[in-house]
């Protein structure tokens, strides 16, 4: 019926063996959405002679479970795109957070290096003064009796 309704029905439908395989798939089930069509007080579709697998005698014993229809291609693509964009935004937020942490750690490291260099400079200055004082003491403690007058004065 669908083959004929789409305008392609001018050709003969030749894939009956394929139709036999897929005719009970969810995609091809006809879901009635409107009121039942009546012709002269007789329903056009007889619900008792349905060849649906849900109407078989075996299904009368077990409760019928209505499963949702499978998601379509466009909806699946849209869902995937929204999930990936959401995932991308979370990923970018995590990268920004990691960069902020990295910058903060780099700043702390630089501050620590500056403090160490300042402390090292103070230590060098202290050692230089201490060495100069030692040299001055040694010079002042020298015996100048055997020196020439110019050397003594120096």
N, C-alpha and C. Protein backbone atom coordinates (compact mmCIF):
# COMPACT_ATOMS: atom_id res chain seq x y z
N UNK A 1 0.84 -1.19 0.00
CA UNK A 1 0.00 0.00 0.00
C UNK A 1 0.87 1.25 0.00
N UNK A 2 1.92 1.23 0.82
CA UNK A 2 2.81 2.39 0.89
C UNK A 2 3.54 2.58 -0.43
N UNK A 3 3.93 1.48 -1.05
CA UNK A 3 4.63 1.53 -2.32
C UNK A 3 3.75 2.18 -3.39
N UNK A 4 2.47 1.87 -3.35
CA UNK A 4 1.56 2.46 -4.32
C UNK A 4 1.21 3.90 -4.00
N UNK A 5 1.19 4.27 -2.70
CA UNK A 5 0.79 5.62 -2.30
C UNK A 5 1.88 6.64 -2.55
N UNK A 6 3.11 6.24 -2.66
CA UNK A 6 4.20 7.20 -2.82
C UNK A 6 4.41 7.60 -4.27
N UNK A 7 3.65 7.05 -5.19
CA UNK A 7 3.80 7.42 -6.58
C UNK A 7 4.77 6.52 -7.31
N UNK A 8 5.39 5.64 -6.60
CA UNK A 8 6.31 4.71 -7.23
C UNK A 8 5.53 3.49 -7.71
N UNK A 9 4.26 3.44 -7.40
CA UNK A 9 3.43 2.29 -7.68
C UNK A 9 3.19 2.02 -9.15
N UNK A 10 3.70 2.83 -10.03
CA UNK A 10 3.54 2.58 -11.45
C UNK A 10 4.33 1.35 -11.85
N UNK A 11 5.37 1.05 -11.09
CA UNK A 11 6.15 -0.16 -11.34
C UNK A 11 5.56 -1.28 -10.48
N UNK A 12 5.90 -2.48 -10.84
CA UNK A 12 5.43 -3.63 -10.07
C UNK A 12 6.37 -3.84 -8.89
N UNK A 13 5.83 -4.05 -7.70
CA UNK A 13 6.64 -4.35 -6.51
C UNK A 13 7.17 -5.76 -6.64
N UNK A 14 8.49 -5.92 -6.61
CA UNK A 14 9.07 -7.24 -6.89
C UNK A 14 9.88 -7.81 -5.73
N UNK A 15 9.81 -7.20 -4.57
CA UNK A 15 10.63 -7.65 -3.45
C UNK A 15 9.76 -8.28 -2.36
N UNK A 16 8.93 -9.20 -2.72
CA UNK A 16 8.03 -9.84 -1.76
C UNK A 16 8.77 -10.65 -0.72
N UNK A 17 9.87 -11.30 -1.11
CA UNK A 17 10.64 -12.10 -0.14
C UNK A 17 11.26 -11.20 0.93
N UNK A 18 11.64 -9.99 0.55
CA UNK A 18 12.17 -9.03 1.54
C UNK A 18 11.05 -8.57 2.47
N UNK A 19 9.87 -8.32 1.89
CA UNK A 19 8.75 -7.85 2.69
C UNK A 19 8.36 -8.90 3.73
N UNK A 20 8.43 -10.17 3.36
CA UNK A 20 8.09 -11.23 4.31
C UNK A 20 9.02 -11.23 5.51
N UNK A 21 10.26 -10.81 5.31
CA UNK A 21 11.24 -10.78 6.40
C UNK A 21 10.99 -9.60 7.33
N UNK A 22 10.68 -8.43 6.78
CA UNK A 22 10.61 -7.21 7.58
C UNK A 22 9.20 -6.74 7.94
N UNK A 23 8.17 -7.43 7.52
CA UNK A 23 6.82 -6.90 7.70
C UNK A 23 6.39 -6.82 9.16
N UNK A 24 7.03 -7.57 10.07
CA UNK A 24 6.65 -7.50 11.48
C UNK A 24 7.60 -6.62 12.29
N UNK A 25 8.51 -5.96 11.66
CA UNK A 25 9.42 -5.05 12.38
C UNK A 25 8.63 -3.84 12.88
N UNK A 26 9.10 -3.25 13.95
CA UNK A 26 8.43 -2.10 14.54
C UNK A 26 8.30 -0.94 13.56
N UNK A 27 9.29 -0.80 12.73
CA UNK A 27 9.30 0.33 11.80
C UNK A 27 8.12 0.27 10.83
N UNK A 28 7.68 -0.93 10.50
CA UNK A 28 6.63 -1.08 9.50
C UNK A 28 5.27 -1.35 10.11
N UNK A 29 5.14 -1.37 11.43
CA UNK A 29 3.83 -1.57 12.07
C UNK A 29 2.98 -0.33 11.86
N UNK A 30 1.72 -0.55 11.58
CA UNK A 30 0.79 0.56 11.40
C UNK A 30 0.16 0.84 12.75
N UNK A 31 0.38 2.05 13.22
CA UNK A 31 -0.15 2.45 14.52
C UNK A 31 -1.37 3.32 14.27
N UNK A 32 -2.58 2.85 14.64
CA UNK A 32 -3.78 3.66 14.41
C UNK A 32 -3.78 4.87 15.33
N UNK A 33 -3.93 6.05 14.76
CA UNK A 33 -3.91 7.27 15.55
C UNK A 33 -5.26 7.97 15.58
N UNK A 34 -6.11 7.67 14.65
CA UNK A 34 -7.40 8.34 14.58
C UNK A 34 -8.54 7.38 14.90
N UNK A 35 -9.77 7.86 14.72
CA UNK A 35 -10.92 6.98 14.97
C UNK A 35 -10.99 5.88 13.92
N UNK A 36 -11.64 4.80 14.28
CA UNK A 36 -11.78 3.67 13.36
C UNK A 36 -12.70 4.07 12.21
N UNK A 37 -12.26 3.77 11.00
CA UNK A 37 -13.02 4.14 9.81
C UNK A 37 -14.12 3.10 9.59
N UNK A 38 -15.36 3.58 9.39
CA UNK A 38 -16.51 2.68 9.20
C UNK A 38 -17.11 2.92 7.83
N UNK A 39 -17.52 1.83 7.24
CA UNK A 39 -18.22 1.92 5.97
C UNK A 39 -19.53 1.13 6.12
N UNK A 40 -20.64 1.85 6.12
CA UNK A 40 -21.96 1.21 6.30
C UNK A 40 -22.01 0.40 7.59
N UNK A 41 -21.55 1.01 8.70
CA UNK A 41 -21.56 0.40 10.01
C UNK A 41 -20.68 -0.85 10.11
N UNK A 42 -19.81 -1.05 9.15
CA UNK A 42 -18.88 -2.18 9.18
C UNK A 42 -17.45 -1.62 9.18
N UNK A 43 -16.62 -2.00 10.15
CA UNK A 43 -15.25 -1.49 10.15
C UNK A 43 -14.49 -1.97 8.93
N UNK A 44 -13.67 -1.08 8.37
CA UNK A 44 -12.90 -1.44 7.19
C UNK A 44 -11.81 -2.46 7.54
N UNK A 45 -11.29 -2.35 8.72
CA UNK A 45 -10.26 -3.30 9.13
C UNK A 45 -10.84 -4.18 10.21
N UNK A 46 -10.80 -5.47 9.99
CA UNK A 46 -11.35 -6.41 10.96
C UNK A 46 -10.25 -6.71 11.98
N UNK A 47 -10.48 -6.31 13.23
CA UNK A 47 -9.46 -6.48 14.26
C UNK A 47 -9.31 -7.93 14.69
N UNK A 48 -10.31 -8.79 14.43
CA UNK A 48 -10.19 -10.18 14.86
C UNK A 48 -9.37 -11.01 13.90
N UNK A 49 -9.22 -10.59 12.66
CA UNK A 49 -8.46 -11.37 11.69
C UNK A 49 -7.12 -10.70 11.38
N UNK A 50 -6.52 -10.13 12.36
CA UNK A 50 -5.22 -9.47 12.18
C UNK A 50 -4.12 -10.52 12.15
N UNK A 51 -3.13 -10.31 11.31
CA UNK A 51 -2.01 -11.25 11.28
C UNK A 51 -0.80 -10.66 12.01
N UNK A 52 -1.06 -9.79 12.94
CA UNK A 52 0.02 -9.21 13.74
C UNK A 52 0.51 -10.24 14.74
N UNK A 53 1.82 -10.28 15.01
CA UNK A 53 2.32 -11.25 15.99
C UNK A 53 1.84 -10.96 17.40
N UNK A 54 1.42 -9.71 17.68
CA UNK A 54 0.92 -9.39 19.01
C UNK A 54 -0.47 -9.97 19.25
N UNK A 55 -1.20 -10.28 18.17
CA UNK A 55 -2.56 -10.80 18.31
C UNK A 55 -2.61 -12.32 18.25
N UNK A 56 -1.48 -12.97 18.27
CA UNK A 56 -1.46 -14.43 18.21
C UNK A 56 -1.97 -15.00 19.52
N UNK A 57 -2.42 -16.27 19.54
CA UNK A 57 -2.92 -16.88 20.79
C UNK A 57 -1.86 -16.91 21.88
N UNK A 58 -0.61 -16.99 21.51
CA UNK A 58 0.44 -17.03 22.51
C UNK A 58 0.51 -15.73 23.30
N UNK A 59 0.20 -14.61 22.65
CA UNK A 59 0.29 -13.33 23.34
C UNK A 59 -0.88 -13.12 24.30
N UNK A 60 -1.95 -13.90 24.18
CA UNK A 60 -3.07 -13.77 25.11
C UNK A 60 -2.68 -14.24 26.51
N UNK A 61 -1.75 -15.20 26.57
CA UNK A 61 -1.32 -15.70 27.86
C UNK A 61 -0.43 -14.70 28.59
N UNK A 62 0.42 -14.04 27.87
CA UNK A 62 1.36 -13.11 28.49
C UNK A 62 0.84 -11.68 28.34
N UNK A 63 1.16 -10.82 29.31
CA UNK A 63 0.71 -9.42 29.18
C UNK A 63 1.46 -8.72 28.05
N UNK A 64 0.76 -7.85 27.36
CA UNK A 64 1.36 -7.13 26.24
C UNK A 64 2.16 -5.96 26.79
N UNK A 65 3.39 -5.91 26.38
CA UNK A 65 4.26 -4.81 26.80
C UNK A 65 4.41 -3.85 25.64
N UNK A 66 4.04 -2.62 25.87
CA UNK A 66 4.21 -1.62 24.83
C UNK A 66 5.60 -1.05 24.93
N UNK A 67 6.38 -1.26 23.91
CA UNK A 67 7.74 -0.73 23.88
C UNK A 67 7.73 0.57 23.06
N UNK A 68 8.52 1.50 23.44
CA UNK A 68 8.56 2.74 22.65
C UNK A 68 9.16 2.48 21.27
N UNK A 69 8.75 3.29 20.35
CA UNK A 69 9.28 3.15 19.00
C UNK A 69 10.77 3.48 19.01
N UNK A 70 11.50 2.86 18.14
CA UNK A 70 12.93 3.17 18.08
C UNK A 70 13.15 4.59 17.60
N UNK A 71 14.23 5.18 18.04
CA UNK A 71 14.53 6.57 17.69
C UNK A 71 14.90 6.65 16.21
N UNK A 72 14.45 7.70 15.56
CA UNK A 72 14.73 7.88 14.15
C UNK A 72 16.14 8.40 13.90
N UNK A 73 16.53 8.39 12.66
CA UNK A 73 17.89 8.81 12.30
C UNK A 73 18.15 10.28 12.63
N UNK A 74 17.21 11.14 12.26
CA UNK A 74 17.41 12.57 12.51
C UNK A 74 17.46 12.87 14.00
N UNK A 75 16.55 12.23 14.75
CA UNK A 75 16.54 12.46 16.20
C UNK A 75 17.81 11.92 16.84
N UNK A 76 18.31 10.78 16.35
CA UNK A 76 19.55 10.22 16.89
C UNK A 76 20.72 11.14 16.61
N UNK A 77 20.76 11.71 15.40
CA UNK A 77 21.84 12.65 15.06
C UNK A 77 21.76 13.91 15.92
N UNK A 78 20.53 14.41 16.10
CA UNK A 78 20.37 15.62 16.92
C UNK A 78 20.77 15.34 18.36
N UNK A 79 20.39 14.18 18.88
CA UNK A 79 20.75 13.82 20.25
C UNK A 79 22.25 13.68 20.38
N UNK A 80 22.87 13.06 19.40
CA UNK A 80 24.32 12.87 19.43
C UNK A 80 25.02 14.23 19.37
N UNK A 81 24.51 15.12 18.53
CA UNK A 81 25.12 16.45 18.40
C UNK A 81 24.98 17.22 19.71
N UNK A 82 23.80 17.14 20.34
CA UNK A 82 23.63 17.87 21.61
C UNK A 82 24.50 17.26 22.70
N UNK A 83 24.62 15.93 22.70
CA UNK A 83 25.49 15.28 23.69
C UNK A 83 26.94 15.65 23.46
N UNK A 84 27.36 15.66 22.19
CA UNK A 84 28.76 15.97 21.91
C UNK A 84 29.06 17.44 22.22
N UNK A 85 28.11 18.34 21.92
CA UNK A 85 28.35 19.75 22.24
C UNK A 85 28.39 19.94 23.76
N UNK A 86 27.52 19.23 24.47
CA UNK A 86 27.53 19.29 25.93
C UNK A 86 28.85 18.71 26.46
N UNK A 87 29.27 17.60 25.87
CA UNK A 87 30.53 16.98 26.26
C UNK A 87 31.69 17.92 25.94
N UNK A 88 31.63 18.57 24.77
CA UNK A 88 32.69 19.50 24.39
C UNK A 88 32.76 20.68 25.35
N UNK A 89 31.61 21.20 25.75
CA UNK A 89 31.62 22.34 26.67
C UNK A 89 32.19 21.92 28.02
N UNK A 90 31.84 20.72 28.50
CA UNK A 90 32.42 20.23 29.75
C UNK A 90 33.92 20.05 29.61
N UNK A 91 34.33 19.54 28.46
CA UNK A 91 35.76 19.32 28.20
C UNK A 91 36.50 20.67 28.18
N UNK A 92 35.91 21.68 27.53
CA UNK A 92 36.54 23.00 27.48
C UNK A 92 36.59 23.65 28.86
N UNK A 93 35.54 23.46 29.66
CA UNK A 93 35.55 23.99 31.03
C UNK A 93 36.66 23.33 31.84
N UNK A 94 36.84 22.03 31.66
CA UNK A 94 37.90 21.31 32.38
C UNK A 94 39.28 21.81 31.94
N UNK A 95 39.44 22.06 30.66
CA UNK A 95 40.72 22.59 30.16
C UNK A 95 40.98 23.97 30.76
N UNK A 96 39.97 24.82 30.80
CA UNK A 96 40.13 26.16 31.38
C UNK A 96 40.50 26.08 32.85
N UNK A 97 39.85 25.17 33.58
CA UNK A 97 40.15 24.99 35.00
C UNK A 97 41.59 24.51 35.18
N UNK A 98 42.01 23.55 34.35
CA UNK A 98 43.38 23.04 34.44
C UNK A 98 44.39 24.14 34.10
N UNK A 99 44.06 24.98 33.11
CA UNK A 99 44.96 26.09 32.76
C UNK A 99 45.08 27.08 33.92
N UNK A 100 43.97 27.37 34.58
CA UNK A 100 44.00 28.29 35.72
C UNK A 100 44.88 27.72 36.83
N UNK A 101 44.73 26.43 37.09
CA UNK A 101 45.56 25.78 38.12
C UNK A 101 47.03 25.82 37.72
N UNK A 102 47.30 25.55 36.44
CA UNK A 102 48.69 25.55 35.95
C UNK A 102 49.30 26.95 36.06
N UNK A 103 48.54 27.97 35.71
CA UNK A 103 49.04 29.35 35.80
C UNK A 103 49.31 29.71 37.25
N UNK A 104 48.41 29.32 38.15
CA UNK A 104 48.60 29.60 39.58
C UNK A 104 49.86 28.91 40.10
N UNK A 105 50.06 27.65 39.72
CA UNK A 105 51.24 26.92 40.16
C UNK A 105 52.52 27.54 39.59
N UNK A 106 52.46 27.99 38.34
CA UNK A 106 53.62 28.63 37.71
C UNK A 106 53.95 29.94 38.44
N UNK A 107 52.92 30.70 38.83
CA UNK A 107 53.14 31.95 39.56
C UNK A 107 53.78 31.67 40.92
N UNK A 108 53.30 30.63 41.62
CA UNK A 108 53.87 30.27 42.91
C UNK A 108 55.34 29.86 42.75
N UNK A 109 55.62 29.09 41.68
CA UNK A 109 56.99 28.65 41.44
C UNK A 109 57.90 29.85 41.17
N UNK A 110 57.41 30.80 40.37
CA UNK A 110 58.21 32.00 40.09
C UNK A 110 58.45 32.81 41.37
N UNK A 111 57.42 32.95 42.19
CA UNK A 111 57.57 33.68 43.46
C UNK A 111 58.59 32.98 44.35
N UNK A 112 58.56 31.66 44.38
CA UNK A 112 59.50 30.89 45.18
C UNK A 112 60.93 31.08 44.65
N UNK A 113 61.09 31.08 43.33
CA UNK A 113 62.42 31.29 42.74
C UNK A 113 62.95 32.68 43.08
N UNK A 114 62.09 33.69 43.01
CA UNK A 114 62.51 35.06 43.35
C UNK A 114 62.94 35.12 44.81
N UNK A 115 62.18 34.48 45.69
CA UNK A 115 62.53 34.48 47.11
C UNK A 115 63.86 33.76 47.35
N UNK A 116 64.06 32.65 46.66
CA UNK A 116 65.32 31.91 46.80
C UNK A 116 66.49 32.73 46.28
N UNK A 117 66.30 33.40 45.14
CA UNK A 117 67.37 34.23 44.58
C UNK A 117 67.70 35.39 45.51
N UNK A 118 66.69 36.00 46.13
CA UNK A 118 66.93 37.10 47.06
C UNK A 118 67.69 36.60 48.28
N UNK A 119 67.29 35.45 48.79
CA UNK A 119 67.97 34.87 49.94
C UNK A 119 69.41 34.51 49.60
N UNK A 120 69.61 33.99 48.39
CA UNK A 120 70.96 33.63 47.93
C UNK A 120 71.82 34.89 47.79
N UNK A 121 71.24 35.97 47.27
CA UNK A 121 71.99 37.23 47.13
C UNK A 121 72.38 37.77 48.51
N UNK A 122 71.47 37.70 49.49
CA UNK A 122 71.79 38.15 50.84
C UNK A 122 72.92 37.32 51.44
N UNK A 123 72.88 36.01 51.21
CA UNK A 123 73.92 35.11 51.74
C UNK A 123 75.28 35.43 51.10
N UNK A 124 75.28 35.68 49.79
CA UNK A 124 76.53 36.03 49.09
C UNK A 124 77.10 37.34 49.63
N UNK A 125 76.21 38.31 49.84
CA UNK A 125 76.65 39.61 50.37
C UNK A 125 77.24 39.43 51.77
N UNK A 126 76.59 38.63 52.60
CA UNK A 126 77.07 38.36 53.94
C UNK A 126 78.45 37.70 53.90
N UNK A 127 78.60 36.68 53.03
CA UNK A 127 79.89 35.98 52.90
C UNK A 127 80.98 36.91 52.36
N UNK A 128 80.61 37.80 51.42
CA UNK A 128 81.58 38.75 50.87
C UNK A 128 82.07 39.70 51.97
N UNK A 129 81.14 40.22 52.79
CA UNK A 129 81.53 41.12 53.89
C UNK A 129 82.38 40.38 54.91
N UNK A 130 81.99 39.15 55.21
CA UNK A 130 82.75 38.35 56.19
C UNK A 130 84.17 38.09 55.67
N UNK A 131 84.29 37.79 54.38
CA UNK A 131 85.61 37.55 53.78
C UNK A 131 86.44 38.82 53.79
N UNK A 132 85.79 39.97 53.52
CA UNK A 132 86.50 41.25 53.52
C UNK A 132 86.99 41.57 54.93
N UNK A 133 86.16 41.34 55.94
CA UNK A 133 86.57 41.57 57.33
C UNK A 133 87.74 40.68 57.71
N UNK A 134 87.71 39.44 57.24
CA UNK A 134 88.80 38.50 57.53
C UNK A 134 90.10 38.99 56.89
N UNK A 135 90.00 39.43 55.65
CA UNK A 135 91.18 39.94 54.94
C UNK A 135 91.72 41.18 55.66
N UNK A 136 90.82 42.07 56.08
CA UNK A 136 91.24 43.28 56.80
C UNK A 136 91.93 42.92 58.12
N UNK A 137 91.40 41.97 58.86
CA UNK A 137 92.02 41.54 60.12
C UNK A 137 93.41 40.95 59.89
N UNK A 138 93.52 40.13 58.86
CA UNK A 138 94.83 39.53 58.55
C UNK A 138 95.84 40.61 58.17
N UNK A 139 95.36 41.60 57.41
CA UNK A 139 96.26 42.69 57.00
C UNK A 139 96.68 43.50 58.22
N UNK A 140 95.76 43.78 59.12
CA UNK A 140 96.07 44.57 60.30
C UNK A 140 96.97 43.79 61.28
N UNK A 141 96.91 42.47 61.22
CA UNK A 141 97.70 41.66 62.15
C UNK A 141 99.12 41.38 61.61
N UNK A 142 99.47 41.86 60.44
CA UNK A 142 100.77 41.60 59.84
C UNK A 142 101.88 42.35 60.58
N UNK A 143 103.03 41.71 60.53
CA UNK A 143 104.22 42.36 61.10
C UNK A 143 104.77 43.29 60.03
N UNK A 144 104.87 44.59 60.32
CA UNK A 144 105.31 45.58 59.35
C UNK A 144 106.75 46.05 59.59
N UNK A 145 107.49 45.39 60.42
CA UNK A 145 108.84 45.83 60.73
C UNK A 145 109.80 45.62 59.58
N UNK A 146 109.65 44.64 58.80
CA UNK A 146 110.57 44.37 57.71
C UNK A 146 110.09 44.97 56.38
N UNK A 147 109.03 45.79 56.37
CA UNK A 147 108.48 46.38 55.16
C UNK A 147 109.07 47.76 54.90
N UNK A 148 109.02 48.15 53.64
CA UNK A 148 109.49 49.49 53.27
C UNK A 148 108.45 50.51 53.71
N UNK A 149 108.82 51.79 53.83
CA UNK A 149 107.87 52.81 54.31
C UNK A 149 106.64 52.95 53.39
N UNK A 150 106.78 52.83 52.07
CA UNK A 150 105.62 52.94 51.16
C UNK A 150 104.64 51.77 51.35
N UNK A 151 105.19 50.58 51.58
CA UNK A 151 104.35 49.42 51.79
C UNK A 151 103.65 49.52 53.12
N UNK A 152 104.37 50.02 54.13
CA UNK A 152 103.75 50.20 55.44
C UNK A 152 102.57 51.14 55.34
N UNK A 153 102.78 52.24 54.59
CA UNK A 153 101.71 53.22 54.47
C UNK A 153 100.48 52.62 53.75
N UNK A 154 100.73 51.81 52.74
CA UNK A 154 99.63 51.19 52.01
C UNK A 154 98.84 50.28 52.91
